[in-house]
């Protein structure tokens, strides 16, 4: 699933992504757009299966249920910004870029 942004202005980007998620019938239960690297949308856990089918088709969800639940999120990372990756023993994570280029450094 590819997603092309129409704007590069921070506020407009978050509004555009919010409308996109709404159009997919995904319920955003919280968000935070104040992170130095961008922000995120948290999707209702009851829609984890729908979220996975849209963004991670073919992935076995049972392999990701380390703590018994899934917490679907959409991260929005601004160009030239960085995230620090942290390993979690209590949860599994899978990531997928749906727009733009991403670099990973280990």
PDB file of N, CA and C in Angstrom:
ATOM      1  N   UNK A   1       0.852  -1.170   0.000  1.00  0.00           N
ATOM      2  CA  UNK A   1       0.000   0.000   0.000  1.00  0.00           C
ATOM      3  C   UNK A   1       0.900   1.236   0.000  1.00  0.00           C
ATOM      4  N   UNK A   2       0.848   1.995  -1.053  1.00  0.00           N
ATOM      5  CA  UNK A   2       1.616   3.233  -1.163  1.00  0.00           C
ATOM      6  C   UNK A   2       0.733   4.421  -0.815  1.00  0.00           C
ATOM      7  N   UNK A   3       1.358   5.447  -0.287  1.00  0.00           N
ATOM      8  CA  UNK A   3       0.642   6.659   0.086  1.00  0.00           C
ATOM      9  C   UNK A   3       1.482   7.841  -0.354  1.00  0.00           C
ATOM     10  N   UNK A   4       0.928   8.725  -1.146  1.00  0.00           N
ATOM     11  CA  UNK A   4       1.644   9.897  -1.630  1.00  0.00           C
ATOM     12  C   UNK A   4       1.079  11.152  -0.981  1.00  0.00           C
ATOM     13  N   UNK A   5       1.929  11.872  -0.281  1.00  0.00           N
ATOM     14  CA  UNK A   5       1.504  13.117   0.361  1.00  0.00           C
ATOM     15  C   UNK A   5       1.393  14.228  -0.671  1.00  0.00           C
ATOM     16  N   UNK A   6       0.420  15.088  -0.478  1.00  0.00           N
ATOM     17  CA  UNK A   6       0.235  16.231  -1.374  1.00  0.00           C
ATOM     18  C   UNK A   6       0.957  17.463  -0.844  1.00  0.00           C
ATOM     19  N   UNK A   7       1.233  17.482   0.461  1.00  0.00           N
ATOM     20  CA  UNK A   7       1.850  18.640   1.097  1.00  0.00           C
ATOM     21  C   UNK A   7       3.113  18.213   1.832  1.00  0.00           C
ATOM     22  N   UNK A   8       3.973  19.179   2.111  1.00  0.00           N
ATOM     23  CA  UNK A   8       5.146  18.901   2.944  1.00  0.00           C
ATOM     24  C   UNK A   8       5.096  19.718   4.237  1.00  0.00           C
ATOM     25  N   UNK A   9       4.085  20.549   4.380  1.00  0.00           N
ATOM     26  CA  UNK A   9       3.932  21.364   5.588  1.00  0.00           C
ATOM     27  C   UNK A   9       3.428  20.467   6.721  1.00  0.00           C
ATOM     28  N   UNK A  10       4.089  20.548   7.870  1.00  0.00           N
ATOM     29  CA  UNK A  10       3.860  19.625   8.990  1.00  0.00           C
ATOM     30  C   UNK A  10       2.385  19.449   9.350  1.00  0.00           C
ATOM     31  N   UNK A  11       1.688  20.533   9.608  1.00  0.00           N
ATOM     32  CA  UNK A  11       0.288  20.442  10.021  1.00  0.00           C
ATOM     33  C   UNK A  11      -0.563  19.797   8.924  1.00  0.00           C
ATOM     34  N   UNK A  12      -0.333  20.194   7.688  1.00  0.00           N
ATOM     35  CA  UNK A  12      -1.100  19.647   6.566  1.00  0.00           C
ATOM     36  C   UNK A  12      -0.825  18.155   6.382  1.00  0.00           C
ATOM     37  N   UNK A  13       0.410  17.735   6.613  1.00  0.00           N
ATOM     38  CA  UNK A  13       0.763  16.314   6.492  1.00  0.00           C
ATOM     39  C   UNK A  13      -0.037  15.488   7.486  1.00  0.00           C
ATOM     40  N   UNK A  14      -0.084  15.927   8.744  1.00  0.00           N
ATOM     41  CA  UNK A  14      -0.830  15.180   9.753  1.00  0.00           C
ATOM     42  C   UNK A  14      -2.329  15.171   9.451  1.00  0.00           C
ATOM     43  N   UNK A  15      -2.857  16.286   8.969  1.00  0.00           N
ATOM     44  CA  UNK A  15      -4.274  16.330   8.595  1.00  0.00           C
ATOM     45  C   UNK A  15      -4.558  15.366   7.440  1.00  0.00           C
ATOM     46  N   UNK A  16      -3.672  15.353   6.459  1.00  0.00           N
ATOM     47  CA  UNK A  16      -3.839  14.486   5.290  1.00  0.00           C
ATOM     48  C   UNK A  16      -3.802  13.002   5.689  1.00  0.00           C
ATOM     49  N   UNK A  17      -2.873  12.650   6.553  1.00  0.00           N
ATOM     50  CA  UNK A  17      -2.776  11.259   7.007  1.00  0.00           C
ATOM     51  C   UNK A  17      -3.992  10.889   7.845  1.00  0.00           C
ATOM     52  N   UNK A  18      -4.455  11.802   8.688  1.00  0.00           N
ATOM     53  CA  UNK A  18      -5.663  11.552   9.479  1.00  0.00           C
ATOM     54  C   UNK A  18      -6.863  11.265   8.587  1.00  0.00           C
ATOM     55  N   UNK A  19      -7.020  12.040   7.516  1.00  0.00           N
ATOM     56  CA  UNK A  19      -8.124  11.819   6.570  1.00  0.00           C
ATOM     57  C   UNK A  19      -7.956  10.490   5.834  1.00  0.00           C
ATOM     58  N   UNK A  20      -6.730  10.152   5.503  1.00  0.00           N
ATOM     59  CA  UNK A  20      -6.447   8.886   4.828  1.00  0.00           C
ATOM     60  C   UNK A  20      -6.857   7.710   5.718  1.00  0.00           C
ATOM     61  N   UNK A  21      -6.478   7.761   6.988  1.00  0.00           N
ATOM     62  CA  UNK A  21      -6.836   6.689   7.924  1.00  0.00           C
ATOM     63  C   UNK A  21      -8.348   6.615   8.109  1.00  0.00           C
ATOM     64  N   UNK A  22      -8.983   7.772   8.171  1.00  0.00           N
ATOM     65  CA  UNK A  22     -10.444   7.810   8.281  1.00  0.00           C
ATOM     66  C   UNK A  22     -11.092   7.156   7.056  1.00  0.00           C
ATOM     67  N   UNK A  23     -10.534   7.429   5.890  1.00  0.00           N
ATOM     68  CA  UNK A  23     -11.045   6.834   4.658  1.00  0.00           C
ATOM     69  C   UNK A  23     -10.887   5.316   4.612  1.00  0.00           C
ATOM     70  N   UNK A  24      -9.927   4.800   5.383  1.00  0.00           N
ATOM     71  CA  UNK A  24      -9.737   3.350   5.491  1.00  0.00           C
ATOM     72  C   UNK A  24     -10.595   2.759   6.610  1.00  0.00           C
ATOM     73  N   UNK A  25     -11.419   3.611   7.223  1.00  0.00           N
ATOM     74  CA  UNK A  25     -12.274   3.215   8.352  1.00  0.00           C
ATOM     75  C   UNK A  25     -11.468   2.739   9.554  1.00  0.00           C
ATOM     76  N   UNK A  26     -10.292   3.344   9.763  1.00  0.00           N
ATOM     77  CA  UNK A  26      -9.488   3.051  10.941  1.00  0.00           C
ATOM     78  C   UNK A  26      -9.738   4.141  11.975  1.00  0.00           C
ATOM     79  N   UNK A  27     -10.045   3.737  13.187  1.00  0.00           N
ATOM     80  CA  UNK A  27     -10.355   4.682  14.258  1.00  0.00           C
ATOM     81  C   UNK A  27      -9.070   5.068  14.993  1.00  0.00           C
ATOM     82  N   UNK A  28      -8.728   6.347  14.942  1.00  0.00           N
ATOM     83  CA  UNK A  28      -7.570   6.867  15.665  1.00  0.00           C
ATOM     84  C   UNK A  28      -8.014   7.162  17.090  1.00  0.00           C
ATOM     85  N   UNK A  29      -7.386   6.488  18.071  1.00  0.00           N
ATOM     86  CA  UNK A  29      -7.777   6.680  19.467  1.00  0.00           C
ATOM     87  C   UNK A  29      -6.915   7.721  20.168  1.00  0.00           C
ATOM     88  N   UNK A  30      -5.732   7.986  19.636  1.00  0.00           N
ATOM     89  CA  UNK A  30      -4.900   9.070  20.162  1.00  0.00           C
ATOM     90  C   UNK A  30      -3.835   9.406  19.128  1.00  0.00           C
ATOM     91  N   UNK A  31      -3.207  10.543  19.337  1.00  0.00           N
ATOM     92  CA  UNK A  31      -2.117  10.947  18.462  1.00  0.00           C
ATOM     93  C   UNK A  31      -1.193  11.886  19.220  1.00  0.00           C
ATOM     94  N   UNK A  32      -0.020  12.071  18.690  1.00  0.00           N
ATOM     95  CA  UNK A  32       0.957  12.993  19.259  1.00  0.00           C
ATOM     96  C   UNK A  32       1.773  13.529  18.096  1.00  0.00           C
ATOM     97  N   UNK A  33       1.624  14.801  17.827  1.00  0.00           N
ATOM     98  CA  UNK A  33       2.334  15.416  16.710  1.00  0.00           C
ATOM     99  C   UNK A  33       3.445  16.341  17.202  1.00  0.00           C
ATOM    100  N   UNK A  34       3.882  16.161  18.442  1.00  0.00           N
ATOM    101  CA  UNK A  34       4.842  17.085  19.052  1.00  0.00           C
ATOM    102  C   UNK A  34       6.242  16.511  19.189  1.00  0.00           C
ATOM    103  N   UNK A  35       6.489  15.351  18.656  1.00  0.00           N
ATOM    104  CA  UNK A  35       7.815  14.743  18.781  1.00  0.00           C
ATOM    105  C   UNK A  35       8.817  15.492  17.903  1.00  0.00           C
ATOM    106  N   UNK A  36      10.077  15.562  18.325  1.00  0.00           N
ATOM    107  CA  UNK A  36      11.074  16.277  17.517  1.00  0.00           C
ATOM    108  C   UNK A  36      11.248  15.680  16.116  1.00  0.00           C
ATOM    109  N   UNK A  37      10.966  14.404  15.970  1.00  0.00           N
ATOM    110  CA  UNK A  37      11.117  13.708  14.692  1.00  0.00           C
ATOM    111  C   UNK A  37       9.829  13.664  13.885  1.00  0.00           C
ATOM    112  N   UNK A  38       8.706  14.081  14.459  1.00  0.00           N
ATOM    113  CA  UNK A  38       7.415  14.041  13.764  1.00  0.00           C
ATOM    114  C   UNK A  38       6.294  13.733  14.722  1.00  0.00           C
ATOM    115  N   UNK A  39       5.675  12.558  14.585  1.00  0.00           N
ATOM    116  CA  UNK A  39       4.582  12.196  15.478  1.00  0.00           C
ATOM    117  C   UNK A  39       3.982  10.859  15.099  1.00  0.00           C
ATOM    118  N   UNK A  40       2.833  10.548  15.705  1.00  0.00           N
ATOM    119  CA  UNK A  40       2.217   9.252  15.439  1.00  0.00           C
ATOM    120  C   UNK A  40       0.724   9.273  15.685  1.00  0.00           C
ATOM    121  N   UNK A  41       0.068   8.293  15.091  1.00  0.00           N
ATOM    122  CA  UNK A  41      -1.355   8.025  15.272  1.00  0.00           C
ATOM    123  C   UNK A  41      -1.466   6.639  15.906  1.00  0.00           C
ATOM    124  N   UNK A  42      -2.293   6.496  16.929  1.00  0.00           N
ATOM    125  CA  UNK A  42      -2.554   5.191  17.540  1.00  0.00           C
ATOM    126  C   UNK A  42      -3.930   4.735  17.067  1.00  0.00           C
ATOM    127  N   UNK A  43      -3.979   3.536  16.500  1.00  0.00           N
ATOM    128  CA  UNK A  43      -5.216   2.968  15.968  1.00  0.00           C
ATOM    129  C   UNK A  43      -5.860   2.090  17.037  1.00  0.00           C
ATOM    130  N   UNK A  44      -7.173   2.080  17.081  1.00  0.00           N
ATOM    131  CA  UNK A  44      -7.929   1.255  18.029  1.00  0.00           C
ATOM    132  C   UNK A  44      -7.453  -0.199  17.956  1.00  0.00           C
ATOM    133  N   UNK A  45      -7.097  -0.766  19.124  1.00  0.00           N
ATOM    134  CA  UNK A  45      -6.598  -2.145  19.169  1.00  0.00           C
ATOM    135  C   UNK A  45      -7.588  -3.151  18.607  1.00  0.00           C
ATOM    136  N   UNK A  46      -8.875  -2.847  18.701  1.00  0.00           N
ATOM    137  CA  UNK A  46      -9.875  -3.780  18.165  1.00  0.00           C
ATOM    138  C   UNK A  46      -9.793  -3.873  16.639  1.00  0.00           C
ATOM    139  N   UNK A  47      -9.067  -2.954  16.013  1.00  0.00           N
ATOM    140  CA  UNK A  47      -8.910  -2.966  14.560  1.00  0.00           C
ATOM    141  C   UNK A  47      -7.534  -3.473  14.128  1.00  0.00           C
ATOM    142  N   UNK A  48      -6.820  -4.126  15.040  1.00  0.00           N
ATOM    143  CA  UNK A  48      -5.467  -4.605  14.736  1.00  0.00           C
ATOM    144  C   UNK A  48      -5.449  -5.540  13.525  1.00  0.00           C
ATOM    145  N   UNK A  49      -6.422  -6.427  13.433  1.00  0.00           N
ATOM    146  CA  UNK A  49      -6.475  -7.369  12.304  1.00  0.00           C
ATOM    147  C   UNK A  49      -6.684  -6.615  10.988  1.00  0.00           C
ATOM    148  N   UNK A  50      -7.623  -5.672  10.990  1.00  0.00           N
ATOM    149  CA  UNK A  50      -7.885  -4.869   9.788  1.00  0.00           C
ATOM    150  C   UNK A  50      -6.636  -4.067   9.404  1.00  0.00           C
ATOM    151  N   UNK A  51      -5.987  -3.457  10.404  1.00  0.00           N
ATOM    152  CA  UNK A  51      -4.767  -2.679  10.187  1.00  0.00           C
ATOM    153  C   UNK A  51      -3.685  -3.558   9.546  1.00  0.00           C
ATOM    154  N   UNK A  52      -3.482  -4.741  10.117  1.00  0.00           N
ATOM    155  CA  UNK A  52      -2.455  -5.651   9.606  1.00  0.00           C
ATOM    156  C   UNK A  52      -2.767  -6.096   8.183  1.00  0.00           C
ATOM    157  N   UNK A  53      -4.022  -6.373   7.899  1.00  0.00           N
ATOM    158  CA  UNK A  53      -4.398  -6.793   6.544  1.00  0.00           C
ATOM    159  C   UNK A  53      -4.140  -5.686   5.528  1.00  0.00           C
ATOM    160  N   UNK A  54      -4.313  -4.435   5.942  1.00  0.00           N
ATOM    161  CA  UNK A  54      -4.081  -3.304   5.047  1.00  0.00           C
ATOM    162  C   UNK A  54      -2.594  -3.036   4.831  1.00  0.00           C
ATOM    163  N   UNK A  55      -1.825  -3.017   5.921  1.00  0.00           N
ATOM    164  CA  UNK A  55      -0.434  -2.580   5.846  1.00  0.00           C
ATOM    165  C   UNK A  55       0.588  -3.718   5.854  1.00  0.00           C
ATOM    166  N   UNK A  56       0.199  -4.900   6.325  1.00  0.00           N
ATOM    167  CA  UNK A  56       1.111  -6.041   6.407  1.00  0.00           C
ATOM    168  C   UNK A  56       0.440  -7.317   5.905  1.00  0.00           C
ATOM    169  N   UNK A  57      -0.040  -7.313   4.665  1.00  0.00           N
ATOM    170  CA  UNK A  57      -0.741  -8.503   4.165  1.00  0.00           C
ATOM    171  C   UNK A  57       0.178  -9.725   4.195  1.00  0.00           C
ATOM    172  N   UNK A  58      -0.391 -10.840   4.636  1.00  0.00           N
ATOM    173  CA  UNK A  58       0.369 -12.083   4.668  1.00  0.00           C
ATOM    174  C   UNK A  58       1.177 -12.320   5.930  1.00  0.00           C
ATOM    175  N   UNK A  59       1.231 -11.343   6.836  1.00  0.00           N
ATOM    176  CA  UNK A  59       1.983 -11.508   8.082  1.00  0.00           C
ATOM    177  C   UNK A  59       1.119 -12.255   9.091  1.00  0.00           C
ATOM    178  N   UNK A  60       1.708 -13.257   9.740  1.00  0.00           N
ATOM    179  CA  UNK A  60       1.012 -14.044  10.755  1.00  0.00           C
ATOM    180  C   UNK A  60       0.931 -13.232  12.049  1.00  0.00           C
ATOM    181  N   UNK A  61      -0.263 -12.746  12.384  1.00  0.00           N
ATOM    182  CA  UNK A  61      -0.436 -11.901  13.567  1.00  0.00           C
ATOM    183  C   UNK A  61      -0.104 -12.623  14.862  1.00  0.00           C
ATOM    184  N   UNK A  62      -0.307 -13.912  14.921  1.00  0.00           N
ATOM    185  CA  UNK A  62      -0.046 -14.634  16.169  1.00  0.00           C
ATOM    186  C   UNK A  62       1.426 -14.559  16.558  1.00  0.00           C
ATOM    187  N   UNK A  63       2.314 -14.399  15.592  1.00  0.00           N
ATOM    188  CA  UNK A  63       3.740 -14.298  15.898  1.00  0.00           C
ATOM    189  C   UNK A  63       4.095 -12.957  16.523  1.00  0.00           C
ATOM    190  N   UNK A  64       3.191 -11.994  16.471  1.00  0.00           N
ATOM    191  CA  UNK A  64       3.451 -10.657  17.010  1.00  0.00           C
ATOM    192  C   UNK A  64       2.798 -10.421  18.362  1.00  0.00           C
ATOM    193  N   UNK A  65       2.031 -11.347  18.842  1.00  0.00           N
ATOM    194  CA  UNK A  65       1.282 -11.172  20.087  1.00  0.00           C
ATOM    195  C   UNK A  65       2.086 -11.613  21.305  1.00  0.00           C
ATOM    196  N   UNK A  66       3.240 -11.035  21.515  1.00  0.00           N
ATOM    197  CA  UNK A  66       4.095 -11.407  22.640  1.00  0.00           C
ATOM    198  C   UNK A  66       3.411 -11.097  23.965  1.00  0.00           C
ATOM    199  N   UNK A  67       2.831  -9.938  24.088  1.00  0.00           N
ATOM    200  CA  UNK A  67       2.169  -9.545  25.339  1.00  0.00           C
ATOM    201  C   UNK A  67       0.666  -9.806  25.288  1.00  0.00           C
ATOM    202  N   UNK A  68       0.190 -10.473  24.252  1.00  0.00           N
ATOM    203  CA  UNK A  68      -1.226 -10.801  24.138  1.00  0.00           C
ATOM    204  C   UNK A  68      -2.053  -9.772  23.405  1.00  0.00           C
ATOM    205  N   UNK A  69      -1.465  -8.655  23.013  1.00  0.00           N
ATOM    206  CA  UNK A  69      -2.229  -7.643  22.291  1.00  0.00           C
ATOM    207  C   UNK A  69      -1.367  -7.033  21.195  1.00  0.00           C
ATOM    208  N   UNK A  70      -2.016  -6.360  20.298  1.00  0.00           N
ATOM    209  CA  UNK A  70      -1.326  -5.608  19.254  1.00  0.00           C
ATOM    210  C   UNK A  70      -1.680  -4.142  19.418  1.00  0.00           C
ATOM    211  N   UNK A  71      -0.710  -3.282  19.208  1.00  0.00           N
ATOM    212  CA  UNK A  71      -0.926  -1.836  19.330  1.00  0.00           C
ATOM    213  C   UNK A  71      -0.553  -1.168  18.014  1.00  0.00           C
ATOM    214  N   UNK A  72      -1.479  -1.137  17.053  1.00  0.00           N
ATOM    215  CA  UNK A  72      -1.149  -0.568  15.750  1.00  0.00           C
ATOM    216  C   UNK A  72      -0.946   0.943  15.809  1.00  0.00           C
ATOM    217  N   UNK A  73       0.108   1.387  15.142  1.00  0.00           N
ATOM    218  CA  UNK A  73       0.441   2.813  15.099  1.00  0.00           C
ATOM    219  C   UNK A  73       0.921   3.180  13.700  1.00  0.00           C
ATOM    220  N   UNK A  74       0.714   4.429  13.359  1.00  0.00           N
ATOM    221  CA  UNK A  74       1.295   5.016  12.159  1.00  0.00           C
ATOM    222  C   UNK A  74       2.291   6.062  12.649  1.00  0.00           C
ATOM    223  N   UNK A  75       3.565   5.871  12.337  1.00  0.00           N
ATOM    224  CA  UNK A  75       4.588   6.856  12.679  1.00  0.00           C
ATOM    225  C   UNK A  75       4.785   7.777  11.489  1.00  0.00           C
ATOM    226  N   UNK A  76       4.954   9.049  11.769  1.00  0.00           N
ATOM    227  CA  UNK A  76       5.213  10.040  10.730  1.00  0.00           C
ATOM    228  C   UNK A  76       6.558  10.668  11.064  1.00  0.00           C
ATOM    229  N   UNK A  77       7.557  10.375  10.244  1.00  0.00           N
ATOM    230  CA  UNK A  77       8.908  10.865  10.490  1.00  0.00           C
ATOM    231  C   UNK A  77       9.227  11.919   9.440  1.00  0.00           C
ATOM    232  N   UNK A  78       9.590  13.097   9.912  1.00  0.00           N
ATOM    233  CA  UNK A  78       9.903  14.195   9.000  1.00  0.00           C
ATOM    234  C   UNK A  78      11.202  13.920   8.247  1.00  0.00           C
ATOM    235  N   UNK A  79      11.332  14.475   7.037  1.00  0.00           N
ATOM    236  CA  UNK A  79      12.570  14.298   6.275  1.00  0.00           C
ATOM    237  C   UNK A  79      13.790  14.740   7.080  1.00  0.00           C
ATOM    238  N   UNK A  80      14.837  13.958   6.978  1.00  0.00           N
ATOM    239  CA  UNK A  80      16.130  14.230   7.624  1.00  0.00           C
ATOM    240  C   UNK A  80      16.089  14.117   9.147  1.00  0.00           C
ATOM    241  N   UNK A  81      15.019  13.574   9.701  1.00  0.00           N
ATOM    242  CA  UNK A  81      14.915  13.361  11.155  1.00  0.00           C
ATOM    243  C   UNK A  81      15.240  11.909  11.467  1.00  0.00           C
ATOM    244  N   UNK A  82      15.556  11.650  12.743  1.00  0.00           N
ATOM    245  CA  UNK A  82      15.963  10.317  13.165  1.00  0.00           C
ATOM    246  C   UNK A  82      15.121   9.813  14.318  1.00  0.00           C
ATOM    247  N   UNK A  83      14.947   8.497  14.319  1.00  0.00           N
ATOM    248  CA  UNK A  83      14.340   7.797  15.451  1.00  0.00           C
ATOM    249  C   UNK A  83      15.421   6.918  16.055  1.00  0.00           C
ATOM    250  N   UNK A  84      15.370   6.724  17.351  1.00  0.00           N
ATOM    251  CA  UNK A  84      16.260   5.731  17.949  1.00  0.00           C
ATOM    252  C   UNK A  84      15.473   4.438  18.068  1.00  0.00           C
ATOM    253  N   UNK A  85      16.064   3.350  17.612  1.00  0.00           N
ATOM    254  CA  UNK A  85      15.406   2.050  17.675  1.00  0.00           C
ATOM    255  C   UNK A  85      15.749   1.411  19.003  1.00  0.00           C
ATOM    256  N   UNK A  86      14.745   0.914  19.686  1.00  0.00           N
ATOM    257  CA  UNK A  86      14.945   0.265  20.980  1.00  0.00           C
ATOM    258  C   UNK A  86      14.346  -1.123  20.924  1.00  0.00           C
ATOM    259  N   UNK A  87      15.081  -2.094  21.445  1.00  0.00           N
ATOM    260  CA  UNK A  87      14.606  -3.471  21.449  1.00  0.00           C
ATOM    261  C   UNK A  87      13.704  -3.689  22.657  1.00  0.00           C
ATOM    262  N   UNK A  88      12.581  -4.363  22.441  1.00  0.00           N
ATOM    263  CA  UNK A  88      11.619  -4.614  23.511  1.00  0.00           C
ATOM    264  C   UNK A  88      11.463  -6.115  23.717  1.00  0.00           C
ATOM    265  N   UNK A  89      11.560  -6.562  24.968  1.00  0.00           N
ATOM    266  CA  UNK A  89      11.355  -7.976  25.279  1.00  0.00           C
ATOM    267  C   UNK A  89       9.877  -8.301  25.433  1.00  0.00           C
ATOM    268  N   UNK A  90       9.052  -7.300  25.717  1.00  0.00           N
ATOM    269  CA  UNK A  90       7.631  -7.539  25.971  1.00  0.00           C
ATOM    270  C   UNK A  90       6.749  -7.335  24.754  1.00  0.00           C
ATOM    271  N   UNK A  91       7.338  -6.919  23.648  1.00  0.00           N
ATOM    272  CA  UNK A  91       6.524  -6.752  22.453  1.00  0.00           C
ATOM    273  C   UNK A  91       7.378  -6.910  21.196  1.00  0.00           C
ATOM    274  N   UNK A  92       6.722  -7.311  20.154  1.00  0.00           N
ATOM    275  CA  UNK A  92       7.370  -7.420  18.847  1.00  0.00           C
ATOM    276  C   UNK A  92       6.998  -6.183  18.041  1.00  0.00           C
ATOM    277  N   UNK A  93       7.842  -5.832  17.108  1.00  0.00           N
ATOM    278  CA  UNK A  93       7.543  -4.695  16.241  1.00  0.00           C
ATOM    279  C   UNK A  93       7.857  -5.077  14.808  1.00  0.00           C
ATOM    280  N   UNK A  94       7.008  -4.633  13.919  1.00  0.00           N
ATOM    281  CA  UNK A  94       7.312  -4.691  12.495  1.00  0.00           C
ATOM    282  C   UNK A  94       7.030  -3.303  11.937  1.00  0.00           C
ATOM    283  N   UNK A  95       7.863  -2.875  11.038  1.00  0.00           N
ATOM    284  CA  UNK A  95       7.748  -1.542  10.459  1.00  0.00           C
ATOM    285  C   UNK A  95       7.657  -1.677   8.948  1.00  0.00           C
ATOM    286  N   UNK A  96       6.985  -0.709   8.363  1.00  0.00           N
ATOM    287  CA  UNK A  96       6.892  -0.655   6.909  1.00  0.00           C
ATOM    288  C   UNK A  96       6.793   0.803   6.489  1.00  0.00           C
ATOM    289  N   UNK A  97       7.596   1.202   5.524  1.00  0.00           N
ATOM    290  CA  UNK A  97       7.510   2.551   4.973  1.00  0.00           C
ATOM    291  C   UNK A  97       6.443   2.548   3.885  1.00  0.00           C
ATOM    292  N   UNK A  98       5.505   3.482   3.961  1.00  0.00           N
ATOM    293  CA  UNK A  98       4.459   3.563   2.940  1.00  0.00           C
ATOM    294  C   UNK A  98       4.605   4.808   2.075  1.00  0.00           C
ATOM    295  N   UNK A  99       5.534   5.686   2.446  1.00  0.00           N
ATOM    296  CA  UNK A  99       5.759   6.876   1.641  1.00  0.00           C
ATOM    297  C   UNK A  99       7.169   7.396   1.905  1.00  0.00           C
ATOM    298  N   UNK A 100       7.857   7.768   0.865  1.00  0.00           N
ATOM    299  CA  UNK A 100       9.187   8.337   1.017  1.00  0.00           C
ATOM    300  C   UNK A 100      10.270   7.284   1.168  1.00  0.00           C
ATOM    301  N   UNK A 101      11.502   7.768   1.311  1.00  0.00           N
ATOM    302  CA  UNK A 101      12.661   6.890   1.451  1.00  0.00           C
ATOM    303  C   UNK A 101      13.040   6.787   2.921  1.00  0.00           C
ATOM    304  N   UNK A 102      13.514   5.604   3.295  1.00  0.00           N
ATOM    305  CA  UNK A 102      13.896   5.346   4.676  1.00  0.00           C
ATOM    306  C   UNK A 102      15.277   4.717   4.685  1.00  0.00           C
ATOM    307  N   UNK A 103      16.112   5.162   5.608  1.00  0.00           N
ATOM    308  CA  UNK A 103      17.417   4.544   5.807  1.00  0.00           C
ATOM    309  C   UNK A 103      17.484   3.953   7.195  1.00  0.00           C
ATOM    310  N   UNK A 104      18.161   2.815   7.312  1.00  0.00           N
ATOM    311  CA  UNK A 104      18.312   2.159   8.607  1.00  0.00           C
ATOM    312  C   UNK A 104      19.796   1.975   8.881  1.00  0.00           C
ATOM    313  N   UNK A 105      20.228   2.397  10.070  1.00  0.00           N
ATOM    314  CA  UNK A 105      21.616   2.247  10.491  1.00  0.00           C
ATOM    315  C   UNK A 105      21.619   1.452  11.782  1.00  0.00           C
ATOM    316  N   UNK A 106      22.413   0.394  11.840  1.00  0.00           N
ATOM    317  CA  UNK A 106      22.482  -0.407  13.067  1.00  0.00           C
ATOM    318  C   UNK A 106      23.832  -0.270  13.719  1.00  0.00           C
TER     319      UNK A 106
END
